[in-house]
C-alpha cells in the first residue's frame, strides 16, 4: 500500500511540473507570436509611410540608426545610415507618383517577409524615357531588433521593368555590330555588280 501511495504521489508531482512546463512553453509561444505580429505591423507601416505615401520623415520610427542591406546589384552586405531609406524614397517620389500595395506577409522569429507591388507613374522626363509606367513585384525580408529594422534583403522582379530591357538592347547592339561589316560588304558587292 505504501508503494502505491508513493507511486501516486510521484505521478502527481511529475504531472504538476509537466503542466508548469506546458504553461511556460505556451506563454513563450504567445510572446513570440505577439512579437512577430508587432514586427509585421511595423513593416506594413514602413511601406505605407515611405513607399505608398510621401511621409518619409517618419523613417526613423522604423529603421535602426544603421542597417545592413542585401540588394540586387552592387549593394550587398552594405551598412547604411537609416536616412538612406528616406533619401531613396524621396528621390523616387520626386520623379513620379509612387504607391503600392501589400500582397501578404510572413513572420518567423525576428524576420518578416513582405510581398508587395511597387506602382510608379513617372512625371520626370528621365523616368518616362527609361520605361514609363511601372508595376514591379517585390519581396523584402526585414530583420528586426528592439522594434527597428536592422537588416534588409531586397528581391525585385526587375525583368518586369525597363531595366529588364537593358540586356535585350545590349544584345541587339552587339548583334548589329557583328552584322554591320557583312552588310557593308554585301552592299558594296551589289553596287559593283550593278555597275558592271
N, C-alpha and C. Protein backbone atom coordinates (compact mmCIF):
# COMPACT_ATOMS: atom_id res chain seq x y z
N UNK A 1 0.81 -1.18 0.00
CA UNK A 1 0.00 0.00 0.00
C UNK A 1 0.87 1.26 0.00
N UNK A 2 1.91 1.18 0.78
CA UNK A 2 2.81 2.31 0.87
C UNK A 2 3.44 2.58 -0.50
N UNK A 3 3.79 1.53 -1.24
CA UNK A 3 4.36 1.66 -2.58
C UNK A 3 3.38 2.36 -3.52
N UNK A 4 2.12 1.97 -3.46
CA UNK A 4 1.08 2.56 -4.30
C UNK A 4 0.91 4.05 -3.98
N UNK A 5 0.98 4.41 -2.69
CA UNK A 5 0.87 5.79 -2.28
C UNK A 5 2.03 6.62 -2.84
N UNK A 6 3.26 6.11 -2.75
CA UNK A 6 4.44 6.81 -3.24
C UNK A 6 4.37 6.96 -4.76
N UNK A 7 3.95 5.90 -5.44
CA UNK A 7 3.82 5.94 -6.89
C UNK A 7 2.80 7.02 -7.31
N UNK A 8 1.66 7.06 -6.63
CA UNK A 8 0.62 8.04 -6.95
C UNK A 8 1.12 9.45 -6.68
N UNK A 9 1.81 9.64 -5.57
CA UNK A 9 2.34 10.94 -5.21
C UNK A 9 3.37 11.41 -6.24
N UNK A 10 4.24 10.52 -6.69
CA UNK A 10 5.25 10.91 -7.68
C UNK A 10 4.61 11.25 -9.03
N UNK A 11 3.51 10.54 -9.37
CA UNK A 11 2.81 10.84 -10.62
C UNK A 11 2.19 12.24 -10.56
N UNK A 12 1.58 12.58 -9.41
CA UNK A 12 1.01 13.92 -9.27
C UNK A 12 2.09 14.99 -9.34
N UNK A 13 3.21 14.73 -8.71
CA UNK A 13 4.30 15.71 -8.69
C UNK A 13 4.85 15.92 -10.10
N UNK A 14 5.05 14.82 -10.84
CA UNK A 14 5.60 14.97 -12.19
C UNK A 14 4.59 15.62 -13.14
N UNK A 15 3.31 15.31 -12.96
CA UNK A 15 2.31 15.94 -13.84
C UNK A 15 2.20 17.42 -13.54
N UNK A 16 2.43 17.84 -12.32
CA UNK A 16 2.41 19.26 -11.98
C UNK A 16 3.54 20.00 -12.65
N UNK A 17 4.75 19.40 -12.63
CA UNK A 17 5.88 20.07 -13.29
C UNK A 17 5.69 20.06 -14.81
N UNK A 18 5.08 19.00 -15.34
CA UNK A 18 4.79 18.95 -16.76
C UNK A 18 3.79 20.03 -17.13
N UNK A 19 2.79 20.22 -16.30
CA UNK A 19 1.80 21.27 -16.56
C UNK A 19 2.45 22.64 -16.52
N UNK A 20 3.39 22.85 -15.57
CA UNK A 20 4.08 24.13 -15.49
C UNK A 20 4.93 24.36 -16.73
N UNK A 21 5.61 23.30 -17.22
CA UNK A 21 6.41 23.42 -18.43
C UNK A 21 5.52 23.73 -19.62
N UNK A 22 4.36 23.09 -19.70
CA UNK A 22 3.43 23.33 -20.79
C UNK A 22 2.94 24.76 -20.77
N UNK A 23 2.64 25.28 -19.60
CA UNK A 23 2.20 26.67 -19.47
C UNK A 23 3.32 27.62 -19.87
N UNK A 24 4.56 27.30 -19.44
CA UNK A 24 5.71 28.16 -19.78
C UNK A 24 5.94 28.17 -21.29
N UNK A 25 5.85 27.02 -21.96
CA UNK A 25 6.04 26.95 -23.40
C UNK A 25 4.93 27.72 -24.11
N UNK A 26 3.68 27.54 -23.66
CA UNK A 26 2.56 28.25 -24.27
C UNK A 26 2.72 29.76 -24.11
N UNK A 27 3.19 30.19 -22.95
CA UNK A 27 3.40 31.61 -22.71
C UNK A 27 4.51 32.15 -23.61
N UNK A 28 5.58 31.37 -23.76
CA UNK A 28 6.69 31.76 -24.63
C UNK A 28 6.23 31.86 -26.09
N UNK A 29 5.42 30.88 -26.54
CA UNK A 29 4.88 30.91 -27.90
C UNK A 29 4.01 32.13 -28.11
N UNK A 30 3.22 32.48 -27.12
CA UNK A 30 2.33 33.63 -27.22
C UNK A 30 3.14 34.92 -27.34
N UNK A 31 4.23 35.03 -26.54
CA UNK A 31 5.09 36.20 -26.63
C UNK A 31 5.75 36.29 -28.00
N UNK A 32 6.21 35.13 -28.53
CA UNK A 32 6.86 35.12 -29.85
C UNK A 32 5.86 35.53 -30.93
N UNK A 33 4.64 35.01 -30.87
CA UNK A 33 3.62 35.38 -31.86
C UNK A 33 3.29 36.87 -31.74
N UNK A 34 3.24 37.38 -30.52
CA UNK A 34 2.96 38.79 -30.30
C UNK A 34 4.07 39.65 -30.91
N UNK A 35 5.33 39.25 -30.73
CA UNK A 35 6.45 39.99 -31.31
C UNK A 35 6.43 39.91 -32.83
N UNK A 36 6.10 38.74 -33.37
CA UNK A 36 6.01 38.59 -34.83
C UNK A 36 4.92 39.48 -35.39
N UNK A 37 3.77 39.54 -34.72
CA UNK A 37 2.68 40.41 -35.19
C UNK A 37 3.08 41.88 -35.10
N UNK A 38 3.78 42.25 -34.04
CA UNK A 38 4.25 43.64 -33.90
C UNK A 38 5.21 43.99 -35.04
N UNK A 39 6.13 43.05 -35.35
CA UNK A 39 7.09 43.29 -36.43
C UNK A 39 6.40 43.38 -37.79
N UNK A 40 5.37 42.55 -38.02
CA UNK A 40 4.61 42.63 -39.27
C UNK A 40 3.93 43.99 -39.38
N UNK A 41 3.38 44.47 -38.28
CA UNK A 41 2.73 45.78 -38.27
C UNK A 41 3.74 46.88 -38.58
N UNK A 42 4.92 46.81 -37.97
CA UNK A 42 5.96 47.81 -38.23
C UNK A 42 6.39 47.79 -39.69
N UNK A 43 6.55 46.60 -40.26
CA UNK A 43 6.93 46.50 -41.68
C UNK A 43 5.85 47.11 -42.56
N UNK A 44 4.59 46.79 -42.28
CA UNK A 44 3.47 47.32 -43.06
C UNK A 44 3.44 48.85 -42.97
N UNK A 45 3.62 49.40 -41.76
CA UNK A 45 3.62 50.85 -41.58
C UNK A 45 4.80 51.50 -42.30
N UNK A 46 5.96 50.83 -42.31
CA UNK A 46 7.13 51.32 -43.03
C UNK A 46 6.80 51.51 -44.52
N UNK A 47 6.21 50.48 -45.14
CA UNK A 47 5.86 50.57 -46.55
C UNK A 47 4.81 51.66 -46.79
N UNK A 48 3.81 51.71 -45.93
CA UNK A 48 2.73 52.69 -46.12
C UNK A 48 3.26 54.12 -45.99
N UNK A 49 4.19 54.35 -45.08
CA UNK A 49 4.71 55.70 -44.86
C UNK A 49 5.71 56.11 -45.94
N UNK A 50 6.71 55.27 -46.20
CA UNK A 50 7.79 55.68 -47.09
C UNK A 50 7.49 55.42 -48.57
N UNK A 51 6.82 54.34 -48.88
CA UNK A 51 6.69 53.94 -50.29
C UNK A 51 5.29 54.15 -50.86
N UNK A 52 4.25 54.01 -50.06
CA UNK A 52 2.89 54.14 -50.60
C UNK A 52 2.37 55.57 -50.47
N UNK A 53 2.93 56.35 -49.57
CA UNK A 53 2.58 57.75 -49.42
C UNK A 53 3.89 58.49 -49.20
N UNK A 54 3.87 59.76 -49.26
CA UNK A 54 5.11 60.53 -49.16
C UNK A 54 5.29 61.08 -47.75
N UNK A 55 5.37 60.16 -46.78
CA UNK A 55 5.59 60.55 -45.38
C UNK A 55 6.96 60.03 -44.94
N UNK A 56 7.98 60.41 -45.69
CA UNK A 56 9.31 59.85 -45.49
C UNK A 56 10.01 60.36 -44.23
N UNK A 57 9.52 61.45 -43.64
CA UNK A 57 10.16 61.96 -42.42
C UNK A 57 10.03 61.00 -41.25
N UNK A 58 9.15 60.03 -41.37
CA UNK A 58 8.96 59.07 -40.27
C UNK A 58 9.89 57.86 -40.37
N UNK A 59 10.90 57.92 -41.25
CA UNK A 59 11.79 56.78 -41.47
C UNK A 59 12.43 56.27 -40.18
N UNK A 60 12.79 57.17 -39.27
CA UNK A 60 13.48 56.75 -38.06
C UNK A 60 12.56 56.05 -37.06
N UNK A 61 11.25 56.04 -37.31
CA UNK A 61 10.34 55.24 -36.48
C UNK A 61 10.48 53.75 -36.78
N UNK A 62 11.03 53.43 -37.94
CA UNK A 62 11.05 52.05 -38.41
C UNK A 62 12.45 51.46 -38.60
N UNK A 63 13.42 52.31 -38.95
CA UNK A 63 14.75 51.81 -39.31
C UNK A 63 15.74 52.19 -38.21
N UNK A 64 16.60 51.22 -37.82
CA UNK A 64 17.64 51.48 -36.82
C UNK A 64 18.61 52.53 -37.37
N UNK A 65 19.42 53.13 -36.49
CA UNK A 65 20.35 54.17 -36.92
C UNK A 65 21.23 53.70 -38.07
N UNK A 66 21.64 52.44 -38.03
CA UNK A 66 22.36 51.81 -39.14
C UNK A 66 21.72 50.46 -39.41
N UNK A 67 21.69 50.08 -40.66
CA UNK A 67 21.14 48.78 -41.03
C UNK A 67 22.01 48.19 -42.13
N UNK A 68 21.89 46.90 -42.32
CA UNK A 68 22.64 46.20 -43.37
C UNK A 68 21.66 45.88 -44.49
N UNK A 69 22.08 46.16 -45.72
CA UNK A 69 21.21 45.91 -46.87
C UNK A 69 21.86 44.87 -47.79
N UNK A 70 21.03 43.96 -48.29
CA UNK A 70 21.42 42.97 -49.29
C UNK A 70 20.48 43.20 -50.47
N UNK A 71 20.97 43.86 -51.50
CA UNK A 71 20.12 44.28 -52.61
C UNK A 71 20.56 43.57 -53.89
N UNK A 72 19.72 43.69 -54.91
CA UNK A 72 20.17 43.25 -56.22
C UNK A 72 21.23 44.24 -56.68
N UNK A 73 22.12 43.84 -57.51
CA UNK A 73 23.19 44.73 -57.96
C UNK A 73 24.34 44.76 -56.97
N UNK A 74 24.96 45.93 -56.84
CA UNK A 74 26.19 46.05 -56.04
C UNK A 74 25.98 46.28 -54.55
N UNK A 75 24.78 46.55 -54.12
CA UNK A 75 24.53 46.83 -52.70
C UNK A 75 24.31 45.52 -51.95
N UNK A 76 25.37 44.78 -51.70
CA UNK A 76 25.26 43.52 -50.97
C UNK A 76 26.07 43.62 -49.68
N UNK A 77 25.40 43.33 -48.56
CA UNK A 77 26.06 43.35 -47.26
C UNK A 77 26.70 44.71 -46.95
N UNK A 78 25.97 45.76 -47.29
CA UNK A 78 26.44 47.13 -47.09
C UNK A 78 25.74 47.73 -45.88
N UNK A 79 26.51 48.36 -45.00
CA UNK A 79 25.93 49.05 -43.85
C UNK A 79 25.64 50.48 -44.25
N UNK A 80 24.40 50.91 -44.01
CA UNK A 80 23.98 52.26 -44.40
C UNK A 80 23.31 52.95 -43.21
N UNK A 81 23.35 54.28 -43.19
CA UNK A 81 22.59 55.00 -42.17
C UNK A 81 21.10 54.96 -42.50
N UNK A 82 20.26 55.06 -41.51
CA UNK A 82 18.81 54.97 -41.68
C UNK A 82 18.29 56.00 -42.68
N UNK A 83 18.89 57.16 -42.73
CA UNK A 83 18.41 58.22 -43.60
C UNK A 83 18.47 57.82 -45.08
N UNK A 84 19.25 56.80 -45.42
CA UNK A 84 19.33 56.34 -46.81
C UNK A 84 17.97 55.89 -47.32
N UNK A 85 17.18 55.22 -46.46
CA UNK A 85 15.84 54.80 -46.88
C UNK A 85 14.97 56.01 -47.22
N UNK A 86 15.09 57.07 -46.44
CA UNK A 86 14.35 58.31 -46.71
C UNK A 86 14.81 58.92 -48.02
N UNK A 87 16.13 58.97 -48.24
CA UNK A 87 16.67 59.58 -49.45
C UNK A 87 16.22 58.85 -50.71
N UNK A 88 16.23 57.52 -50.66
CA UNK A 88 15.79 56.73 -51.82
C UNK A 88 14.31 56.99 -52.10
N UNK A 89 13.49 56.93 -51.07
CA UNK A 89 12.04 57.16 -51.25
C UNK A 89 11.78 58.59 -51.71
N UNK A 90 12.47 59.58 -51.13
CA UNK A 90 12.28 60.98 -51.54
C UNK A 90 12.64 61.16 -53.02
N UNK A 91 13.75 60.56 -53.45
CA UNK A 91 14.15 60.67 -54.86
C UNK A 91 13.07 60.11 -55.78
N UNK A 92 12.57 58.92 -55.47
CA UNK A 92 11.56 58.31 -56.33
C UNK A 92 10.25 59.09 -56.30
N UNK A 93 9.86 59.59 -55.12
CA UNK A 93 8.65 60.42 -55.04
C UNK A 93 8.82 61.69 -55.87
N UNK A 94 10.04 62.24 -55.95
CA UNK A 94 10.26 63.47 -56.73
C UNK A 94 10.22 63.20 -58.23
N UNK A 95 10.35 61.95 -58.65
CA UNK A 95 10.38 61.61 -60.07
C UNK A 95 9.03 61.13 -60.61
N UNK A 96 8.05 60.94 -59.72
CA UNK A 96 6.76 60.48 -60.19
C UNK A 96 5.81 60.18 -59.04
N UNK A 97 4.65 59.65 -59.41
CA UNK A 97 3.65 59.26 -58.41
C UNK A 97 3.90 57.81 -58.02
N UNK A 98 4.22 57.60 -56.75
CA UNK A 98 4.60 56.27 -56.27
C UNK A 98 3.61 55.80 -55.22
N UNK A 99 3.10 54.60 -55.42
CA UNK A 99 2.22 53.96 -54.45
C UNK A 99 2.56 52.47 -54.44
N UNK A 100 1.73 51.71 -53.80
CA UNK A 100 1.94 50.27 -53.78
C UNK A 100 0.85 49.59 -52.97
N UNK A 101 0.97 48.28 -52.90
CA UNK A 101 0.02 47.51 -52.09
C UNK A 101 0.72 46.24 -51.62
N UNK A 102 0.33 45.81 -50.44
CA UNK A 102 0.92 44.60 -49.86
C UNK A 102 0.07 43.40 -50.24
N UNK A 103 0.72 42.37 -50.78
CA UNK A 103 0.04 41.13 -51.14
C UNK A 103 -0.10 40.23 -49.91
N UNK A 104 1.01 40.00 -49.20
CA UNK A 104 0.96 39.20 -47.97
C UNK A 104 2.27 39.36 -47.20
N UNK A 105 2.22 38.93 -45.93
CA UNK A 105 3.38 38.97 -45.05
C UNK A 105 3.50 37.63 -44.32
N UNK A 106 4.75 37.24 -44.05
CA UNK A 106 5.03 36.04 -43.28
C UNK A 106 6.08 36.43 -42.23
N UNK A 107 5.86 36.02 -40.99
CA UNK A 107 6.81 36.34 -39.93
C UNK A 107 7.28 35.06 -39.26
N UNK A 108 8.57 35.04 -38.94
CA UNK A 108 9.14 33.94 -38.16
C UNK A 108 10.27 34.50 -37.32
N UNK A 109 10.10 34.43 -36.04
CA UNK A 109 11.11 34.98 -35.13
C UNK A 109 11.27 36.47 -35.36
N UNK A 110 12.52 36.91 -35.62
CA UNK A 110 12.77 38.34 -35.82
C UNK A 110 12.73 38.75 -37.29
N UNK A 111 12.27 37.83 -38.18
CA UNK A 111 12.21 38.11 -39.61
C UNK A 111 10.77 38.31 -40.08
N UNK A 112 10.60 39.27 -40.99
CA UNK A 112 9.29 39.48 -41.63
C UNK A 112 9.53 39.56 -43.14
N UNK A 113 8.84 38.72 -43.90
CA UNK A 113 8.89 38.76 -45.35
C UNK A 113 7.59 39.39 -45.85
N UNK A 114 7.72 40.37 -46.72
CA UNK A 114 6.56 41.07 -47.27
C UNK A 114 6.64 41.03 -48.79
N UNK A 115 5.59 40.50 -49.41
CA UNK A 115 5.49 40.57 -50.89
C UNK A 115 4.55 41.71 -51.19
N UNK A 116 5.02 42.65 -52.00
CA UNK A 116 4.23 43.83 -52.30
C UNK A 116 4.42 44.23 -53.75
N UNK A 117 3.53 45.10 -54.22
CA UNK A 117 3.58 45.61 -55.59
C UNK A 117 3.98 47.09 -55.54
N UNK A 118 5.08 47.42 -56.24
CA UNK A 118 5.51 48.80 -56.35
C UNK A 118 4.87 49.37 -57.61
N UNK A 119 4.15 50.48 -57.45
CA UNK A 119 3.48 51.12 -58.58
C UNK A 119 4.05 52.52 -58.75
N UNK A 120 4.45 52.83 -59.98
CA UNK A 120 5.13 54.09 -60.23
C UNK A 120 4.67 54.65 -61.57
N UNK A 121 4.22 55.90 -61.54
CA UNK A 121 3.86 56.61 -62.77
C UNK A 121 4.80 57.82 -62.86
N UNK A 122 5.76 57.78 -63.79
CA UNK A 122 6.78 58.84 -63.83
C UNK A 122 6.22 60.18 -64.29
N UNK A 123 6.74 61.24 -63.67
CA UNK A 123 6.41 62.60 -64.10
C UNK A 123 7.65 63.28 -64.66
N UNK A 124 8.83 62.76 -64.38
CA UNK A 124 10.05 63.36 -64.90
C UNK A 124 10.36 62.76 -66.27
N UNK A 125 11.00 63.56 -67.12
CA UNK A 125 11.36 63.11 -68.46
C UNK A 125 12.29 61.90 -68.40
N UNK A 126 13.25 61.95 -67.48
CA UNK A 126 14.22 60.86 -67.36
C UNK A 126 13.52 59.51 -67.13
N UNK A 127 12.59 59.46 -66.20
CA UNK A 127 11.93 58.19 -65.89
C UNK A 127 10.91 57.81 -66.97
N UNK A 128 10.32 58.80 -67.66
CA UNK A 128 9.43 58.45 -68.76
C UNK A 128 10.21 57.82 -69.89
N UNK A 129 11.40 58.34 -70.18
CA UNK A 129 12.25 57.78 -71.24
C UNK A 129 12.74 56.40 -70.83
N UNK A 130 13.06 56.22 -69.55
CA UNK A 130 13.62 54.94 -69.08
C UNK A 130 12.60 53.80 -69.05
N UNK A 131 11.33 54.10 -69.13
CA UNK A 131 10.44 52.95 -69.12
C UNK A 131 8.98 53.22 -68.88
N UNK A 132 8.63 54.45 -68.60
CA UNK A 132 7.21 54.72 -68.42
C UNK A 132 6.65 54.14 -67.15
N UNK A 133 5.36 53.85 -67.19
CA UNK A 133 4.65 53.36 -66.01
C UNK A 133 5.21 52.00 -65.59
N UNK A 134 5.38 51.81 -64.31
CA UNK A 134 5.96 50.57 -63.79
C UNK A 134 5.07 49.97 -62.71
N UNK A 135 5.00 48.68 -62.69
CA UNK A 135 4.47 47.94 -61.55
C UNK A 135 5.37 46.72 -61.40
N UNK A 136 6.05 46.64 -60.29
CA UNK A 136 7.03 45.59 -60.09
C UNK A 136 6.72 44.83 -58.80
N UNK A 137 6.64 43.50 -58.86
CA UNK A 137 6.50 42.73 -57.63
C UNK A 137 7.84 42.70 -56.89
N UNK A 138 7.78 42.92 -55.59
CA UNK A 138 8.99 42.97 -54.75
C UNK A 138 8.75 42.12 -53.51
N UNK A 139 9.80 41.43 -53.09
CA UNK A 139 9.78 40.74 -51.80
C UNK A 139 10.90 41.33 -50.96
N UNK A 140 10.55 41.89 -49.82
CA UNK A 140 11.53 42.37 -48.85
C UNK A 140 11.48 41.50 -47.62
N UNK A 141 12.64 41.17 -47.11
CA UNK A 141 12.74 40.47 -45.83
C UNK A 141 13.46 41.41 -44.88
N UNK A 142 12.83 41.70 -43.76
CA UNK A 142 13.40 42.58 -42.75
C UNK A 142 13.75 41.76 -41.51
N UNK A 143 14.91 42.06 -40.91
CA UNK A 143 15.25 41.54 -39.58
C UNK A 143 15.04 42.69 -38.60
N UNK A 144 14.31 42.41 -37.53
CA UNK A 144 14.01 43.42 -36.51
C UNK A 144 14.81 43.16 -35.25
N UNK A 145 15.21 44.23 -34.60
CA UNK A 145 15.79 44.16 -33.26
C UNK A 145 15.30 45.39 -32.50
N UNK A 146 14.71 45.15 -31.34
CA UNK A 146 14.19 46.24 -30.50
C UNK A 146 13.20 47.13 -31.26
N UNK A 147 12.37 46.52 -32.10
CA UNK A 147 11.32 47.25 -32.80
C UNK A 147 11.79 48.08 -33.98
N UNK A 148 13.01 47.85 -34.47
CA UNK A 148 13.55 48.60 -35.61
C UNK A 148 14.12 47.62 -36.64
N UNK A 149 14.09 48.03 -37.89
CA UNK A 149 14.67 47.24 -38.98
C UNK A 149 16.19 47.37 -38.90
N UNK A 150 16.89 46.23 -38.80
CA UNK A 150 18.35 46.26 -38.73
C UNK A 150 19.00 45.59 -39.94
N UNK A 151 18.19 44.90 -40.75
CA UNK A 151 18.73 44.23 -41.93
C UNK A 151 17.62 44.10 -42.97
N UNK A 152 17.98 44.33 -44.24
CA UNK A 152 17.00 44.27 -45.33
C UNK A 152 17.55 43.41 -46.46
N UNK A 153 16.75 42.47 -46.91
CA UNK A 153 17.03 41.72 -48.14
C UNK A 153 16.00 42.18 -49.16
N UNK A 154 16.46 42.65 -50.31
CA UNK A 154 15.57 43.22 -51.31
C UNK A 154 15.60 42.33 -52.56
N UNK A 155 14.44 41.83 -52.96
CA UNK A 155 14.32 40.98 -54.14
C UNK A 155 13.26 41.57 -55.05
N UNK A 156 13.72 42.25 -56.12
CA UNK A 156 12.80 42.85 -57.09
C UNK A 156 12.74 41.97 -58.33
N UNK A 157 11.62 41.99 -58.99
CA UNK A 157 11.46 41.26 -60.24
C UNK A 157 11.72 42.25 -61.38
N UNK A 158 12.99 42.66 -61.51
CA UNK A 158 13.36 43.71 -62.46
C UNK A 158 13.09 43.33 -63.91
N UNK A 159 12.93 42.05 -64.19
CA UNK A 159 12.65 41.64 -65.56
C UNK A 159 11.36 42.27 -66.05
N UNK A 160 10.45 42.60 -65.11
CA UNK A 160 9.19 43.24 -65.47
C UNK A 160 9.33 44.74 -65.70
N UNK A 161 10.51 45.28 -65.46
CA UNK A 161 10.69 46.73 -65.57
C UNK A 161 11.50 47.08 -66.82
N UNK A 162 11.69 48.36 -67.01
CA UNK A 162 12.51 48.82 -68.14
C UNK A 162 13.95 48.32 -67.99
N UNK A 163 14.40 48.12 -66.76
CA UNK A 163 15.75 47.59 -66.55
C UNK A 163 15.90 46.21 -67.17
N UNK A 164 14.80 45.48 -67.25
CA UNK A 164 14.83 44.15 -67.87
C UNK A 164 15.11 44.21 -69.36
N UNK A 165 14.89 45.38 -69.98
CA UNK A 165 15.16 45.54 -71.41
C UNK A 165 16.62 45.80 -71.71
N UNK A 166 17.40 46.17 -70.73
CA UNK A 166 18.81 46.52 -70.95
C UNK A 166 19.57 45.36 -71.60
N UNK A 167 19.49 44.12 -71.09
CA UNK A 167 20.21 43.02 -71.77
C UNK A 167 19.74 42.83 -73.22
N UNK A 168 18.46 43.05 -73.48
CA UNK A 168 17.93 42.92 -74.84
C UNK A 168 18.62 43.92 -75.77
N UNK A 169 18.68 45.19 -75.34
CA UNK A 169 19.29 46.21 -76.18
C UNK A 169 20.80 46.02 -76.31
N UNK A 170 21.45 45.54 -75.27
CA UNK A 170 22.88 45.24 -75.38
C UNK A 170 23.10 44.14 -76.41
N UNK A 171 22.29 43.10 -76.35
CA UNK A 171 22.41 42.01 -77.32
C UNK A 171 22.13 42.47 -78.73
N UNK A 172 21.12 43.32 -78.88
CA UNK A 172 20.79 43.86 -80.20
C UNK A 172 21.96 44.67 -80.73
N UNK A 173 22.55 45.51 -79.90
CA UNK A 173 23.69 46.33 -80.32
C UNK A 173 24.88 45.48 -80.73
N UNK A 174 25.20 44.46 -79.95
CA UNK A 174 26.32 43.58 -80.29
C UNK A 174 26.03 42.85 -81.60
N UNK A 175 24.81 42.38 -81.75
CA UNK A 175 24.43 41.68 -82.99
C UNK A 175 24.55 42.57 -84.20
N UNK A 176 24.11 43.82 -84.09
CA UNK A 176 24.21 44.75 -85.21
C UNK A 176 25.67 45.07 -85.53
N UNK A 177 26.50 45.23 -84.50
CA UNK A 177 27.93 45.49 -84.74
C UNK A 177 28.59 44.32 -85.46
N UNK A 178 28.24 43.11 -85.08
CA UNK A 178 28.81 41.93 -85.73
C UNK A 178 28.33 41.84 -87.17
N UNK A 179 27.06 42.16 -87.40
CA UNK A 179 26.47 42.01 -88.74
C UNK A 179 26.84 43.16 -89.68
N UNK A 180 27.19 44.32 -89.13
CA UNK A 180 27.44 45.50 -89.95
C UNK A 180 28.52 45.30 -91.01
N UNK A 181 29.67 44.74 -90.70
CA UNK A 181 30.68 44.53 -91.76
C UNK A 181 30.16 43.63 -92.89
N UNK A 182 29.42 42.59 -92.55
CA UNK A 182 28.86 41.70 -93.57
C UNK A 182 27.88 42.44 -94.47
N UNK A 183 27.01 43.26 -93.85
CA UNK A 183 26.05 44.03 -94.63
C UNK A 183 26.78 45.05 -95.52
N UNK A 184 27.81 45.69 -95.00
CA UNK A 184 28.57 46.67 -95.79
C UNK A 184 29.24 45.98 -96.98
N UNK A 185 29.83 44.80 -96.76
CA UNK A 185 30.45 44.05 -97.85
C UNK A 185 29.41 43.65 -98.90
N UNK A 186 28.27 43.15 -98.44
CA UNK A 186 27.21 42.73 -99.36
C UNK A 186 26.69 43.92 -100.17
N UNK A 187 26.52 45.07 -99.53
CA UNK A 187 26.03 46.26 -100.23
C UNK A 187 27.04 46.72 -101.27
N UNK A 188 28.34 46.75 -100.90
CA UNK A 188 29.38 47.17 -101.84
C UNK A 188 29.45 46.20 -103.03
N UNK A 189 29.34 44.90 -102.78
CA UNK A 189 29.36 43.90 -103.86
C UNK A 189 28.16 44.09 -104.78
N UNK A 190 27.02 44.35 -104.22
CA UNK A 190 25.80 44.55 -105.01
C UNK A 190 25.94 45.76 -105.91
N UNK A 191 26.51 46.85 -105.39
CA UNK A 191 26.69 48.06 -106.19
C UNK A 191 27.69 47.83 -107.32
N UNK A 192 28.75 47.08 -107.04
CA UNK A 192 29.74 46.80 -108.08
C UNK A 192 29.13 45.98 -109.21
N UNK A 193 28.35 44.98 -108.85
CA UNK A 193 27.71 44.14 -109.87
C UNK A 193 26.71 44.94 -110.68
N UNK A 194 26.05 45.83 -110.07
CA UNK A 194 25.04 46.64 -110.75
C UNK A 194 25.69 47.58 -111.77
N UNK A 195 26.84 48.09 -111.48
CA UNK A 195 27.57 49.00 -112.38
C UNK A 195 28.17 48.23 -113.56
N UNK A 196 28.52 47.01 -113.29
CA UNK A 196 29.19 46.24 -114.35
C UNK A 196 28.27 45.73 -115.40
